Amino acid sequence: QKFLFSLNQHINWVRCAKFSPDDRLIVSCSDDKTIKLWDKNSRECIHSFFEHAGFANYVDFHPSGTCIAAASTDHSVKVWDIRSHKMLQHYPVHTGMVNTLSFH
């Protein structure tokens, strides 16, 4: 393992960061209540998602690389299409914060 680079647009603790299946993108979530999608090569933020009332604890890419999901302290899981930046699903079904998730 070696240090590659820093992405510095979050303004609070970063909870999780994941590489896309094709290794071109990175998704990160932070206590600043944002989820950011990054271009790995340019190191630029492509889009910021702000839809959670709480902060996201965990984010991940779908194996197809076309969408991301976030587990949040607002007791929900949300799924977005990364091409259109539209929310595809919202699952507000938990009675407490959601700490992790996985696509199958």
PDB file of N, CA and C in Angstrom:
ATOM      1  N   GLN A   1       0.822  -1.176   0.000  1.00  0.00           N
ATOM      2  CA  GLN A   1       0.000   0.000   0.000  1.00  0.00           C
ATOM      3  C   GLN A   1       0.871   1.246   0.000  1.00  0.00           C
ATOM      4  N   LYS A   2       0.402   2.247  -0.741  1.00  0.00           N
ATOM      5  CA  LYS A   2       1.108   3.524  -0.745  1.00  0.00           C
ATOM      6  C   LYS A   2       0.098   4.654  -0.872  1.00  0.00           C
ATOM      7  N   PHE A   3       0.460   5.818  -0.355  1.00  0.00           N
ATOM      8  CA  PHE A   3      -0.387   6.996  -0.441  1.00  0.00           C
ATOM      9  C   PHE A   3      -0.457   7.454  -1.890  1.00  0.00           C
ATOM     10  N   LEU A   4      -1.679   7.705  -2.382  1.00  0.00           N
ATOM     11  CA  LEU A   4      -1.859   8.161  -3.758  1.00  0.00           C
ATOM     12  C   LEU A   4      -2.122   9.661  -3.840  1.00  0.00           C
ATOM     13  N   PHE A   5      -3.163  10.152  -3.145  1.00  0.00           N
ATOM     14  CA  PHE A   5      -3.514  11.568  -3.167  1.00  0.00           C
ATOM     15  C   PHE A   5      -4.612  11.836  -2.146  1.00  0.00           C
ATOM     16  N   SER A   6      -4.872  13.119  -1.901  1.00  0.00           N
ATOM     17  CA  SER A   6      -5.950  13.544  -1.005  1.00  0.00           C
ATOM     18  C   SER A   6      -7.044  14.231  -1.807  1.00  0.00           C
ATOM     19  N   LEU A   7      -8.273  14.067  -1.359  1.00  0.00           N
ATOM     20  CA  LEU A   7      -9.427  14.774  -1.903  1.00  0.00           C
ATOM     21  C   LEU A   7      -9.956  15.643  -0.772  1.00  0.00           C
ATOM     22  N   ASN A   8      -9.954  16.959  -0.951  1.00  0.00           N
ATOM     23  CA  ASN A   8     -10.115  17.868   0.183  1.00  0.00           C
ATOM     24  C   ASN A   8     -11.343  18.769   0.156  1.00  0.00           C
ATOM     25  N   GLN A   9     -12.490  18.321  -0.294  1.00  0.00           N
ATOM     26  CA  GLN A   9     -13.655  19.213  -0.317  1.00  0.00           C
ATOM     27  C   GLN A   9     -14.648  18.976   0.816  1.00  0.00           C
ATOM     28  N   HIS A  10     -14.546  17.876   1.535  1.00  0.00           N
ATOM     29  CA  HIS A  10     -15.421  17.688   2.696  1.00  0.00           C
ATOM     30  C   HIS A  10     -14.970  18.639   3.797  1.00  0.00           C
ATOM     31  N   ILE A  11     -15.916  19.116   4.598  1.00  0.00           N
ATOM     32  CA  ILE A  11     -15.571  20.062   5.666  1.00  0.00           C
ATOM     33  C   ILE A  11     -15.732  19.447   7.060  1.00  0.00           C
ATOM     34  N   ASN A  12     -15.843  18.130   7.122  1.00  0.00           N
ATOM     35  CA  ASN A  12     -15.913  17.416   8.391  1.00  0.00           C
ATOM     36  C   ASN A  12     -15.332  16.022   8.164  1.00  0.00           C
ATOM     37  N   TRP A  13     -15.360  15.190   9.196  1.00  0.00           N
ATOM     38  CA  TRP A  13     -14.781  13.848   9.108  1.00  0.00           C
ATOM     39  C   TRP A  13     -15.349  13.058   7.935  1.00  0.00           C
ATOM     40  N   VAL A  14     -14.499  12.349   7.226  1.00  0.00           N
ATOM     41  CA  VAL A  14     -14.921  11.436   6.169  1.00  0.00           C
ATOM     42  C   VAL A  14     -15.141  10.069   6.800  1.00  0.00           C
ATOM     43  N   ARG A  15     -16.327   9.506   6.597  1.00  0.00           N
ATOM     44  CA  ARG A  15     -16.700   8.215   7.180  1.00  0.00           C
ATOM     45  C   ARG A  15     -16.303   7.030   6.310  1.00  0.00           C
ATOM     46  N   CYS A  16     -16.378   7.212   4.990  1.00  0.00           N
ATOM     47  CA  CYS A  16     -16.146   6.077   4.089  1.00  0.00           C
ATOM     48  C   CYS A  16     -15.794   6.617   2.703  1.00  0.00           C
ATOM     49  N   ALA A  17     -14.973   5.879   1.980  1.00  0.00           N
ATOM     50  CA  ALA A  17     -14.668   6.179   0.575  1.00  0.00           C
ATOM     51  C   ALA A  17     -14.473   4.860  -0.153  1.00  0.00           C
ATOM     52  N   LYS A  18     -15.011   4.776  -1.369  1.00  0.00           N
ATOM     53  CA  LYS A  18     -14.933   3.543  -2.158  1.00  0.00           C
ATOM     54  C   LYS A  18     -14.604   3.864  -3.609  1.00  0.00           C
ATOM     55  N   PHE A  19     -13.823   2.979  -4.229  1.00  0.00           N
ATOM     56  CA  PHE A  19     -13.541   3.069  -5.659  1.00  0.00           C
ATOM     57  C   PHE A  19     -14.653   2.375  -6.437  1.00  0.00           C
ATOM     58  N   SER A  20     -14.962   2.905  -7.618  1.00  0.00           N
ATOM     59  CA  SER A  20     -15.951   2.278  -8.492  1.00  0.00           C
ATOM     60  C   SER A  20     -15.390   0.976  -9.047  1.00  0.00           C
ATOM     61  N   PRO A  21     -16.272   0.078  -9.505  1.00  0.00           N
ATOM     62  CA  PRO A  21     -15.802  -1.192 -10.066  1.00  0.00           C
ATOM     63  C   PRO A  21     -14.815  -1.029 -11.229  1.00  0.00           C
ATOM     64  N   ASP A  22     -14.951   0.041 -12.024  1.00  0.00           N
ATOM     65  CA  ASP A  22     -14.024   0.261 -13.144  1.00  0.00           C
ATOM     66  C   ASP A  22     -12.818   1.115 -12.743  1.00  0.00           C
ATOM     67  N   ASP A  23     -12.734   1.497 -11.465  1.00  0.00           N
ATOM     68  CA  ASP A  23     -11.594   2.228 -10.902  1.00  0.00           C
ATOM     69  C   ASP A  23     -11.461   3.659 -11.438  1.00  0.00           C
ATOM     70  N   ARG A  24     -12.532   4.214 -12.043  1.00  0.00           N
ATOM     71  CA  ARG A  24     -12.473   5.580 -12.574  1.00  0.00           C
ATOM     72  C   ARG A  24     -13.009   6.628 -11.602  1.00  0.00           C
ATOM     73  N   LEU A  25     -13.888   6.199 -10.688  1.00  0.00           N
ATOM     74  CA  LEU A  25     -14.564   7.124  -9.785  1.00  0.00           C
ATOM     75  C   LEU A  25     -14.326   6.734  -8.332  1.00  0.00           C
ATOM     76  N   ILE A  26     -14.565   7.693  -7.453  1.00  0.00           N
ATOM     77  CA  ILE A  26     -14.527   7.456  -6.011  1.00  0.00           C
ATOM     78  C   ILE A  26     -15.782   8.096  -5.437  1.00  0.00           C
ATOM     79  N   VAL A  27     -16.419   7.429  -4.494  1.00  0.00           N
ATOM     80  CA  VAL A  27     -17.527   8.026  -3.754  1.00  0.00           C
ATOM     81  C   VAL A  27     -17.097   8.131  -2.295  1.00  0.00           C
ATOM     82  N   SER A  28     -17.443   9.252  -1.657  1.00  0.00           N
ATOM     83  CA  SER A  28     -17.089   9.459  -0.249  1.00  0.00           C
ATOM     84  C   SER A  28     -18.276  10.058   0.490  1.00  0.00           C
ATOM     85  N   CYS A  29     -18.323   9.799   1.795  1.00  0.00           N
ATOM     86  CA  CYS A  29     -19.373  10.389   2.630  1.00  0.00           C
ATOM     87  C   CYS A  29     -18.739  10.956   3.886  1.00  0.00           C
ATOM     88  N   SER A  30     -19.406  11.972   4.431  1.00  0.00           N
ATOM     89  CA  SER A  30     -18.797  12.738   5.512  1.00  0.00           C
ATOM     90  C   SER A  30     -19.829  13.173   6.543  1.00  0.00           C
ATOM     91  N   ASP A  31     -19.324  13.528   7.714  1.00  0.00           N
ATOM     92  CA  ASP A  31     -20.166  14.125   8.749  1.00  0.00           C
ATOM     93  C   ASP A  31     -20.694  15.496   8.337  1.00  0.00           C
ATOM     94  N   ASP A  32     -20.226  16.045   7.219  1.00  0.00           N
ATOM     95  CA  ASP A  32     -20.759  17.324   6.733  1.00  0.00           C
ATOM     96  C   ASP A  32     -22.095  17.147   6.006  1.00  0.00           C
ATOM     97  N   LYS A  33     -22.638  15.921   6.029  1.00  0.00           N
ATOM     98  CA  LYS A  33     -23.931  15.558   5.436  1.00  0.00           C
ATOM     99  C   LYS A  33     -23.912  15.556   3.916  1.00  0.00           C
ATOM    100  N   THR A  34     -22.732  15.423   3.325  1.00  0.00           N
ATOM    101  CA  THR A  34     -22.646  15.316   1.870  1.00  0.00           C
ATOM    102  C   THR A  34     -22.069  13.967   1.471  1.00  0.00           C
ATOM    103  N   ILE A  35     -22.443  13.564   0.274  1.00  0.00           N
ATOM    104  CA  ILE A  35     -21.854  12.410  -0.398  1.00  0.00           C
ATOM    105  C   ILE A  35     -21.273  12.977  -1.679  1.00  0.00           C
ATOM    106  N   LYS A  36     -20.010  12.726  -1.915  1.00  0.00           N
ATOM    107  CA  LYS A  36     -19.339  13.317  -3.072  1.00  0.00           C
ATOM    108  C   LYS A  36     -18.873  12.223  -4.031  1.00  0.00           C
ATOM    109  N   LEU A  37     -19.051  12.510  -5.307  1.00  0.00           N
ATOM    110  CA  LEU A  37     -18.598  11.639  -6.380  1.00  0.00           C
ATOM    111  C   LEU A  37     -17.413  12.317  -7.050  1.00  0.00           C
ATOM    112  N   TRP A  38     -16.304  11.608  -7.135  1.00  0.00           N
ATOM    113  CA  TRP A  38     -15.036  12.168  -7.616  1.00  0.00           C
ATOM    114  C   TRP A  38     -14.555  11.452  -8.875  1.00  0.00           C
ATOM    115  N   ASP A  39     -13.928  12.200  -9.759  1.00  0.00           N
ATOM    116  CA  ASP A  39     -13.184  11.620 -10.872  1.00  0.00           C
ATOM    117  C   ASP A  39     -11.786  11.308 -10.357  1.00  0.00           C
ATOM    118  N   LYS A  40     -11.396  10.051 -10.395  1.00  0.00           N
ATOM    119  CA  LYS A  40     -10.107   9.655  -9.820  1.00  0.00           C
ATOM    120  C   LYS A  40      -8.930  10.289 -10.548  1.00  0.00           C
ATOM    121  N   ASN A  41      -8.996  10.392 -11.866  1.00  0.00           N
ATOM    122  CA  ASN A  41      -7.858  10.918 -12.628  1.00  0.00           C
ATOM    123  C   ASN A  41      -7.678  12.422 -12.460  1.00  0.00           C
ATOM    124  N   SER A  42      -8.769  13.177 -12.547  1.00  0.00           N
ATOM    125  CA  SER A  42      -8.663  14.636 -12.412  1.00  0.00           C
ATOM    126  C   SER A  42      -8.674  15.080 -10.949  1.00  0.00           C
ATOM    127  N   ARG A  43      -9.137  14.195 -10.062  1.00  0.00           N
ATOM    128  CA  ARG A  43      -9.269  14.480  -8.621  1.00  0.00           C
ATOM    129  C   ARG A  43     -10.271  15.594  -8.345  1.00  0.00           C
ATOM    130  N   GLU A  44     -11.207  15.781  -9.272  1.00  0.00           N
ATOM    131  CA  GLU A  44     -12.250  16.798  -9.134  1.00  0.00           C
ATOM    132  C   GLU A  44     -13.543  16.159  -8.645  1.00  0.00           C
ATOM    133  N   CYS A  45     -14.297  16.924  -7.860  1.00  0.00           N
ATOM    134  CA  CYS A  45     -15.619  16.486  -7.429  1.00  0.00           C
ATOM    135  C   CYS A  45     -16.586  16.663  -8.601  1.00  0.00           C
ATOM    136  N   ILE A  46     -17.204  15.583  -9.024  1.00  0.00           N
ATOM    137  CA  ILE A  46     -18.146  15.602 -10.143  1.00  0.00           C
ATOM    138  C   ILE A  46     -19.525  16.059  -9.680  1.00  0.00           C
ATOM    139  N   HIS A  47     -19.923  15.592  -8.489  1.00  0.00           N
ATOM    140  CA  HIS A  47     -21.260  15.916  -7.977  1.00  0.00           C
ATOM    141  C   HIS A  47     -21.292  15.727  -6.468  1.00  0.00           C
ATOM    142  N   SER A  48     -22.107  16.542  -5.806  1.00  0.00           N
ATOM    143  CA  SER A  48     -22.361  16.391  -4.374  1.00  0.00           C
ATOM    144  C   SER A  48     -23.838  16.089  -4.171  1.00  0.00           C
ATOM    145  N   PHE A  49     -24.118  15.082  -3.367  1.00  0.00           N
ATOM    146  CA  PHE A  49     -25.485  14.702  -3.022  1.00  0.00           C
ATOM    147  C   PHE A  49     -25.764  15.212  -1.610  1.00  0.00           C
ATOM    148  N   PHE A  50     -26.930  15.862  -1.416  1.00  0.00           N
ATOM    149  CA  PHE A  50     -27.261  16.487  -0.133  1.00  0.00           C
ATOM    150  C   PHE A  50     -28.567  15.974   0.466  1.00  0.00           C
ATOM    151  N   GLU A  51     -29.093  14.868   0.010  1.00  0.00           N
ATOM    152  CA  GLU A  51     -30.457  14.472   0.349  1.00  0.00           C
ATOM    153  C   GLU A  51     -30.654  13.886   1.744  1.00  0.00           C
ATOM    154  N   HIS A  52     -29.613  13.576   2.488  1.00  0.00           N
ATOM    155  CA  HIS A  52     -29.792  12.970   3.810  1.00  0.00           C
ATOM    156  C   HIS A  52     -30.016  14.031   4.882  1.00  0.00           C
ATOM    157  N   ALA A  53     -30.924  13.738   5.826  1.00  0.00           N
ATOM    158  CA  ALA A  53     -31.139  14.625   6.978  1.00  0.00           C
ATOM    159  C   ALA A  53     -29.988  14.479   7.968  1.00  0.00           C
ATOM    160  N   GLY A  54     -29.464  13.267   8.085  1.00  0.00           N
ATOM    161  CA  GLY A  54     -28.295  13.021   8.917  1.00  0.00           C
ATOM    162  C   GLY A  54     -27.077  12.882   8.025  1.00  0.00           C
ATOM    163  N   PHE A  55     -25.998  12.346   8.576  1.00  0.00           N
ATOM    164  CA  PHE A  55     -24.827  12.099   7.736  1.00  0.00           C
ATOM    165  C   PHE A  55     -24.775  10.626   7.358  1.00  0.00           C
ATOM    166  N   ALA A  56     -24.135  10.342   6.246  1.00  0.00           N
ATOM    167  CA  ALA A  56     -23.992   8.963   5.784  1.00  0.00           C
ATOM    168  C   ALA A  56     -22.796   8.321   6.480  1.00  0.00           C
ATOM    169  N   ASN A  57     -23.009   7.111   6.972  1.00  0.00           N
ATOM    170  CA  ASN A  57     -21.953   6.327   7.613  1.00  0.00           C
ATOM    171  C   ASN A  57     -21.146   5.510   6.616  1.00  0.00           C
ATOM    172  N   TYR A  58     -21.788   5.139   5.513  1.00  0.00           N
ATOM    173  CA  TYR A  58     -21.189   4.168   4.604  1.00  0.00           C
ATOM    174  C   TYR A  58     -21.755   4.393   3.210  1.00  0.00           C
ATOM    175  N   VAL A  59     -20.917   4.260   2.209  1.00  0.00           N
ATOM    176  CA  VAL A  59     -21.343   4.353   0.810  1.00  0.00           C
ATOM    177  C   VAL A  59     -20.701   3.223   0.021  1.00  0.00           C
ATOM    178  N   ASP A  60     -21.348   2.847  -1.074  1.00  0.00           N
ATOM    179  CA  ASP A  60     -20.759   1.830  -1.938  1.00  0.00           C
ATOM    180  C   ASP A  60     -21.353   1.937  -3.335  1.00  0.00           C
ATOM    181  N   PHE A  61     -20.616   1.420  -4.293  1.00  0.00           N
ATOM    182  CA  PHE A  61     -21.064   1.336  -5.676  1.00  0.00           C
ATOM    183  C   PHE A  61     -21.783   0.017  -5.914  1.00  0.00           C
ATOM    184  N   HIS A  62     -22.798   0.064  -6.764  1.00  0.00           N
ATOM    185  CA  HIS A  62     -23.397  -1.161  -7.290  1.00  0.00           C
ATOM    186  C   HIS A  62     -22.340  -1.819  -8.173  1.00  0.00           C
ATOM    187  N   PRO A  63     -22.293  -3.150  -8.265  1.00  0.00           N
ATOM    188  CA  PRO A  63     -21.292  -3.808  -9.119  1.00  0.00           C
ATOM    189  C   PRO A  63     -21.301  -3.339 -10.576  1.00  0.00           C
ATOM    190  N   SER A  64     -22.434  -2.856 -11.073  1.00  0.00           N
ATOM    191  CA  SER A  64     -22.499  -2.338 -12.448  1.00  0.00           C
ATOM    192  C   SER A  64     -21.790  -0.992 -12.575  1.00  0.00           C
ATOM    193  N   GLY A  65     -21.576  -0.309 -11.435  1.00  0.00           N
ATOM    194  CA  GLY A  65     -20.943   1.005 -11.451  1.00  0.00           C
ATOM    195  C   GLY A  65     -21.869   2.142 -11.815  1.00  0.00           C
ATOM    196  N   THR A  66     -23.156   1.874 -12.000  1.00  0.00           N
ATOM    197  CA  THR A  66     -24.092   2.911 -12.437  1.00  0.00           C
ATOM    198  C   THR A  66     -24.825   3.606 -11.300  1.00  0.00           C
ATOM    199  N   CYS A  67     -24.759   3.061 -10.103  1.00  0.00           N
ATOM    200  CA  CYS A  67     -25.423   3.716  -8.985  1.00  0.00           C
ATOM    201  C   CYS A  67     -24.632   3.529  -7.696  1.00  0.00           C
ATOM    202  N   ILE A  68     -24.961   4.377  -6.722  1.00  0.00           N
ATOM    203  CA  ILE A  68     -24.349   4.306  -5.400  1.00  0.00           C
ATOM    204  C   ILE A  68     -25.460   4.212  -4.363  1.00  0.00           C
ATOM    205  N   ALA A  69     -25.123   3.670  -3.213  1.00  0.00           N
ATOM    206  CA  ALA A  69     -26.053   3.623  -2.090  1.00  0.00           C
ATOM    207  C   ALA A  69     -25.355   4.172  -0.864  1.00  0.00           C
ATOM    208  N   ALA A  70     -26.154   4.758   0.034  1.00  0.00           N
ATOM    209  CA  ALA A  70     -25.617   5.326   1.269  1.00  0.00           C
ATOM    210  C   ALA A  70     -26.459   4.879   2.453  1.00  0.00           C
ATOM    211  N   ALA A  71     -25.784   4.498   3.528  1.00  0.00           N
ATOM    212  CA  ALA A  71     -26.413   4.153   4.805  1.00  0.00           C
ATOM    213  C   ALA A  71     -26.270   5.363   5.715  1.00  0.00           C
ATOM    214  N   SER A  72     -27.378   5.787   6.334  1.00  0.00           N
ATOM    215  CA  SER A  72     -27.364   7.081   7.017  1.00  0.00           C
ATOM    216  C   SER A  72     -27.816   7.035   8.472  1.00  0.00           C
ATOM    217  N   THR A  73     -27.394   8.059   9.209  1.00  0.00           N
ATOM    218  CA  THR A  73     -27.848   8.240  10.588  1.00  0.00           C
ATOM    219  C   THR A  73     -29.296   8.710  10.643  1.00  0.00           C
ATOM    220  N   ASP A  74     -29.892   9.074   9.496  1.00  0.00           N
ATOM    221  CA  ASP A  74     -31.305   9.472   9.486  1.00  0.00           C
ATOM    222  C   ASP A  74     -32.231   8.263   9.369  1.00  0.00           C
ATOM    223  N   HIS A  75     -31.680   7.058   9.630  1.00  0.00           N
ATOM    224  CA  HIS A  75     -32.424   5.793   9.686  1.00  0.00           C
ATOM    225  C   HIS A  75     -32.808   5.274   8.308  1.00  0.00           C
ATOM    226  N   SER A  76     -32.137   5.710   7.265  1.00  0.00           N
ATOM    227  CA  SER A  76     -32.533   5.302   5.924  1.00  0.00           C
ATOM    228  C   SER A  76     -31.346   4.872   5.069  1.00  0.00           C
ATOM    229  N   VAL A  77     -31.702   4.227   3.962  1.00  0.00           N
ATOM    230  CA  VAL A  77     -30.753   3.908   2.894  1.00  0.00           C
ATOM    231  C   VAL A  77     -31.293   4.577   1.639  1.00  0.00           C
ATOM    232  N   LYS A  78     -30.401   5.230   0.896  1.00  0.00           N
ATOM    233  CA  LYS A  78     -30.793   5.872  -0.352  1.00  0.00           C
ATOM    234  C   LYS A  78     -29.881   5.395  -1.473  1.00  0.00           C
ATOM    235  N   VAL A  79     -30.471   5.294  -2.670  1.00  0.00           N
ATOM    236  CA  VAL A  79     -29.742   4.836  -3.855  1.00  0.00           C
ATOM    237  C   VAL A  79     -29.895   5.893  -4.943  1.00  0.00           C
ATOM    238  N   TRP A  80     -28.771   6.275  -5.575  1.00  0.00           N
ATOM    239  CA  TRP A  80     -28.770   7.281  -6.640  1.00  0.00           C
ATOM    240  C   TRP A  80     -28.159   6.711  -7.911  1.00  0.00           C
ATOM    241  N   ASP A  81     -28.671   7.162  -9.052  1.00  0.00           N
ATOM    242  CA  ASP A  81     -28.054   6.914 -10.348  1.00  0.00           C
ATOM    243  C   ASP A  81     -26.937   7.944 -10.498  1.00  0.00           C
ATOM    244  N   ILE A  82     -25.714   7.502 -10.740  1.00  0.00           N
ATOM    245  CA  ILE A  82     -24.599   8.455 -10.808  1.00  0.00           C
ATOM    246  C   ILE A  82     -24.532   9.185 -12.152  1.00  0.00           C
ATOM    247  N   ARG A  83     -25.254   8.710 -13.162  1.00  0.00           N
ATOM    248  CA  ARG A  83     -25.264   9.394 -14.456  1.00  0.00           C
ATOM    249  C   ARG A  83     -26.225  10.577 -14.449  1.00  0.00           C
ATOM    250  N   SER A  84     -27.402  10.381 -13.875  1.00  0.00           N
ATOM    251  CA  SER A  84     -28.419  11.445 -13.848  1.00  0.00           C
ATOM    252  C   SER A  84     -28.433  12.210 -12.525  1.00  0.00           C
ATOM    253  N   HIS A  85     -27.756  11.666 -11.510  1.00  0.00           N
ATOM    254  CA  HIS A  85     -27.730  12.225 -10.150  1.00  0.00           C
ATOM    255  C   HIS A  85     -29.103  12.208  -9.490  1.00  0.00           C
ATOM    256  N   LYS A  86     -30.006  11.377  -9.987  1.00  0.00           N
ATOM    257  CA  LYS A  86     -31.356  11.270  -9.437  1.00  0.00           C
ATOM    258  C   LYS A  86     -31.424  10.143  -8.410  1.00  0.00           C
ATOM    259  N   MET A  87     -32.222  10.390  -7.359  1.00  0.00           N
ATOM    260  CA  MET A  87     -32.442   9.346  -6.378  1.00  0.00           C
ATOM    261  C   MET A  87     -33.351   8.278  -6.988  1.00  0.00           C
ATOM    262  N   LEU A  88     -32.931   7.021  -6.893  1.00  0.00           N
ATOM    263  CA  LEU A  88     -33.706   5.913  -7.432  1.00  0.00           C
ATOM    264  C   LEU A  88     -34.586   5.271  -6.370  1.00  0.00           C
ATOM    265  N   GLN A  89     -34.064   5.152  -5.171  1.00  0.00           N
ATOM    266  CA  GLN A  89     -34.787   4.489  -4.083  1.00  0.00           C
ATOM    267  C   GLN A  89     -34.500   5.193  -2.767  1.00  0.00           C
ATOM    268  N   HIS A  90     -35.491   5.176  -1.890  1.00  0.00           N
ATOM    269  CA  HIS A  90     -35.328   5.679  -0.521  1.00  0.00           C
ATOM    270  C   HIS A  90     -35.998   4.662   0.396  1.00  0.00           C
ATOM    271  N   TYR A  91     -35.233   4.095   1.306  1.00  0.00           N
ATOM    272  CA  TYR A  91     -35.732   3.089   2.233  1.00  0.00           C
ATOM    273  C   TYR A  91     -35.687   3.644   3.660  1.00  0.00           C
ATOM    274  N   PRO A  92     -36.756   4.306   4.121  1.00  0.00           N
ATOM    275  CA  PRO A  92     -36.779   4.871   5.476  1.00  0.00           C
ATOM    276  C   PRO A  92     -37.371   3.877   6.476  1.00  0.00           C
ATOM    277  N   VAL A  93     -36.828   2.684   6.544  1.00  0.00           N
ATOM    278  CA  VAL A  93     -37.485   1.593   7.275  1.00  0.00           C
ATOM    279  C   VAL A  93     -36.823   1.223   8.594  1.00  0.00           C
ATOM    280  N   HIS A  94     -35.740   1.827   8.937  1.00  0.00           N
ATOM    281  CA  HIS A  94     -35.032   1.445  10.154  1.00  0.00           C
ATOM    282  C   HIS A  94     -35.431   2.343  11.322  1.00  0.00           C
ATOM    283  N   THR A  95     -35.310   1.792  12.539  1.00  0.00           N
ATOM    284  CA  THR A  95     -35.641   2.565  13.740  1.00  0.00           C
ATOM    285  C   THR A  95     -34.412   3.223  14.346  1.00  0.00           C
ATOM    286  N   GLY A  96     -33.266   2.959  13.788  1.00  0.00           N
ATOM    287  CA  GLY A  96     -32.020   3.568  14.238  1.00  0.00           C
ATOM    288  C   GLY A  96     -31.122   3.821  13.047  1.00  0.00           C
ATOM    289  N   MET A  97     -29.957   4.395  13.305  1.00  0.00           N
ATOM    290  CA  MET A  97     -29.051   4.704  12.199  1.00  0.00           C
ATOM    291  C   MET A  97     -28.591   3.430  11.492  1.00  0.00           C
ATOM    292  N   VAL A  98     -28.326   3.557  10.213  1.00  0.00           N
ATOM    293  CA  VAL A  98     -27.843   2.444   9.398  1.00  0.00           C
ATOM    294  C   VAL A  98     -26.336   2.608   9.265  1.00  0.00           C
ATOM    295  N   ASN A  99     -25.592   1.559   9.617  1.00  0.00           N
ATOM    296  CA  ASN A  99     -24.133   1.663   9.660  1.00  0.00           C
ATOM    297  C   ASN A  99     -23.423   1.149   8.421  1.00  0.00           C
ATOM    298  N   THR A 100     -24.040   0.223   7.710  1.00  0.00           N
ATOM    299  CA  THR A 100     -23.372  -0.354   6.542  1.00  0.00           C
ATOM    300  C   THR A 100     -24.425  -0.903   5.585  1.00  0.00           C
ATOM    301  N   LEU A 101     -23.997  -1.256   4.397  1.00  0.00           N
ATOM    302  CA  LEU A 101     -24.883  -1.847   3.398  1.00  0.00           C
ATOM    303  C   LEU A 101     -24.041  -2.614   2.397  1.00  0.00           C
ATOM    304  N   SER A 102     -24.721  -3.407   1.572  1.00  0.00           N
ATOM    305  CA  SER A 102     -24.022  -4.165   0.540  1.00  0.00           C
ATOM    306  C   SER A 102     -24.983  -4.479  -0.592  1.00  0.00           C
ATOM    307  N   PHE A 103     -24.506  -4.385  -1.819  1.00  0.00           N
ATOM    308  CA  PHE A 103     -25.283  -4.826  -2.979  1.00  0.00           C
ATOM    309  C   PHE A 103     -25.043  -6.314  -3.185  1.00  0.00           C
ATOM    310  N   HIS A 104     -26.069  -7.021  -3.645  1.00  0.00           N
ATOM    311  CA  HIS A 104     -25.932  -8.456  -3.946  1.00  0.00           C
ATOM    312  C   HIS A 104     -26.414  -8.730  -5.343  1.00  0.00           C
TER     313      HIS A 104
END
